[in-house]
Amino acid sequence: MAERVKRPNIFKRFGMHIAKSWSELKKVSWPTFIEVLKNLAVVLVVVLFFIVVLTAFDSIFLWLYKLLLA
């Protein structure tokens, strides 16, 4: 029968996981505040555009629906 490999206890494994995760986070190229603001502006413009488009389609279809029922 094969011998079982003894693993470190749960707290040591958790600590190793946190250390490795922290090491990986140091390698990440984080955006600057200006880049975040630019991306936020793009997202807000796109969302507002789709709100206007969907509201327009909804109003048109509601008008057509009422026209068909009248």
C-alpha atoms as a PDB file:
ATOM      1  CA  MET A   1       0.000   0.000   0.000  1.00  0.00           C
ATOM      2  CA  ALA A   2       1.268   3.464  -0.868  1.00  0.00           C
ATOM      3  CA  GLU A   3       2.358   5.741   1.930  1.00  0.00           C
ATOM      4  CA  ARG A   4       0.333   8.863   2.524  1.00  0.00           C
ATOM      5  CA  VAL A   5       2.189  12.109   2.010  1.00  0.00           C
ATOM      6  CA  LYS A   6       1.906  14.270   5.095  1.00  0.00           C
ATOM      7  CA  ARG A   7       0.679  17.748   4.226  1.00  0.00           C
ATOM      8  CA  PRO A   8       1.149  20.838   6.381  1.00  0.00           C
ATOM      9  CA  ASN A   9      -1.818  21.701   8.551  1.00  0.00           C
ATOM     10  CA  ILE A  10      -4.632  23.913   7.278  1.00  0.00           C
ATOM     11  CA  PHE A  11      -3.252  27.111   8.831  1.00  0.00           C
ATOM     12  CA  LYS A  12       0.182  26.715   7.217  1.00  0.00           C
ATOM     13  CA  ARG A  13      -1.422  25.955   3.840  1.00  0.00           C
ATOM     14  CA  PHE A  14      -3.667  29.009   4.197  1.00  0.00           C
ATOM     15  CA  GLY A  15      -0.675  31.159   5.127  1.00  0.00           C
ATOM     16  CA  MET A  16       1.278  29.889   2.099  1.00  0.00           C
ATOM     17  CA  HIS A  17      -1.705  30.648  -0.126  1.00  0.00           C
ATOM     18  CA  ILE A  18      -1.926  34.229   1.210  1.00  0.00           C
ATOM     19  CA  ALA A  19       1.818  34.733   0.734  1.00  0.00           C
ATOM     20  CA  LYS A  20       1.699  33.458  -2.851  1.00  0.00           C
ATOM     21  CA  SER A  21      -1.336  35.591  -3.619  1.00  0.00           C
ATOM     22  CA  TRP A  22       0.349  38.686  -2.203  1.00  0.00           C
ATOM     23  CA  SER A  23       3.447  37.931  -4.288  1.00  0.00           C
ATOM     24  CA  GLU A  24       1.319  37.707  -7.446  1.00  0.00           C
ATOM     25  CA  LEU A  25      -0.488  40.959  -6.629  1.00  0.00           C
ATOM     26  CA  LYS A  26       2.870  42.753  -6.478  1.00  0.00           C
ATOM     27  CA  LYS A  27       3.451  41.742 -10.125  1.00  0.00           C
ATOM     28  CA  VAL A  28       0.195  43.302 -11.345  1.00  0.00           C
ATOM     29  CA  SER A  29       0.442  46.466 -13.415  1.00  0.00           C
ATOM     30  CA  TRP A  30      -2.162  48.650 -11.717  1.00  0.00           C
ATOM     31  CA  PRO A  31      -3.759  51.528 -13.686  1.00  0.00           C
ATOM     32  CA  THR A  32      -3.138  55.108 -12.696  1.00  0.00           C
ATOM     33  CA  PHE A  33      -5.931  57.239 -11.270  1.00  0.00           C
ATOM     34  CA  ILE A  34      -6.217  59.150 -14.564  1.00  0.00           C
ATOM     35  CA  GLU A  35      -6.602  55.881 -16.510  1.00  0.00           C
ATOM     36  CA  VAL A  36      -9.326  54.774 -14.103  1.00  0.00           C
ATOM     37  CA  LEU A  37     -11.175  58.072 -14.586  1.00  0.00           C
ATOM     38  CA  LYS A  38     -10.930  57.801 -18.387  1.00  0.00           C
ATOM     39  CA  ASN A  39     -12.251  54.239 -18.333  1.00  0.00           C
ATOM     40  CA  LEU A  40     -15.035  55.274 -15.971  1.00  0.00           C
ATOM     41  CA  ALA A  41     -16.044  58.062 -18.357  1.00  0.00           C
ATOM     42  CA  VAL A  42     -16.171  55.617 -21.286  1.00  0.00           C
ATOM     43  CA  VAL A  43     -18.335  53.196 -19.307  1.00  0.00           C
ATOM     44  CA  LEU A  44     -20.729  55.949 -18.223  1.00  0.00           C
ATOM     45  CA  VAL A  45     -21.090  57.281 -21.784  1.00  0.00           C
ATOM     46  CA  VAL A  46     -21.814  53.805 -23.162  1.00  0.00           C
ATOM     47  CA  VAL A  47     -24.342  53.062 -20.406  1.00  0.00           C
ATOM     48  CA  LEU A  48     -26.123  56.392 -20.949  1.00  0.00           C
ATOM     49  CA  PHE A  49     -26.184  55.786 -24.707  1.00  0.00           C
ATOM     50  CA  PHE A  50     -27.835  52.395 -24.261  1.00  0.00           C
ATOM     51  CA  ILE A  51     -30.314  53.821 -21.757  1.00  0.00           C
ATOM     52  CA  VAL A  52     -31.393  56.372 -24.368  1.00  0.00           C
ATOM     53  CA  VAL A  53     -31.565  53.778 -27.156  1.00  0.00           C
ATOM     54  CA  LEU A  54     -33.538  51.257 -25.094  1.00  0.00           C
ATOM     55  CA  THR A  55     -35.912  53.939 -23.830  1.00  0.00           C
ATOM     56  CA  ALA A  56     -36.517  55.084 -27.404  1.00  0.00           C
ATOM     57  CA  PHE A  57     -37.231  51.527 -28.582  1.00  0.00           C
ATOM     58  CA  ASP A  58     -39.510  50.946 -25.615  1.00  0.00           C
ATOM     59  CA  SER A  59     -41.457  54.135 -26.351  1.00  0.00           C
ATOM     60  CA  ILE A  60     -41.789  53.228 -30.035  1.00  0.00           C
ATOM     61  CA  PHE A  61     -42.990  49.704 -29.299  1.00  0.00           C
ATOM     62  CA  LEU A  62     -45.415  50.992 -26.667  1.00  0.00           C
ATOM     63  CA  TRP A  63     -46.810  53.470 -29.182  1.00  0.00           C
ATOM     64  CA  LEU A  64     -47.184  50.693 -31.791  1.00  0.00           C
ATOM     65  CA  TYR A  65     -48.846  48.410 -29.239  1.00  0.00           C
ATOM     66  CA  LYS A  66     -51.352  51.094 -28.280  1.00  0.00           C
ATOM     67  CA  LEU A  67     -51.953  51.821 -31.986  1.00  0.00           C
ATOM     68  CA  LEU A  68     -52.760  48.162 -32.636  1.00  0.00           C
ATOM     69  CA  LEU A  69     -55.141  47.880 -29.693  1.00  0.00           C
ATOM     70  CA  ALA A  70     -57.037  51.111 -30.444  1.00  0.00           C
END
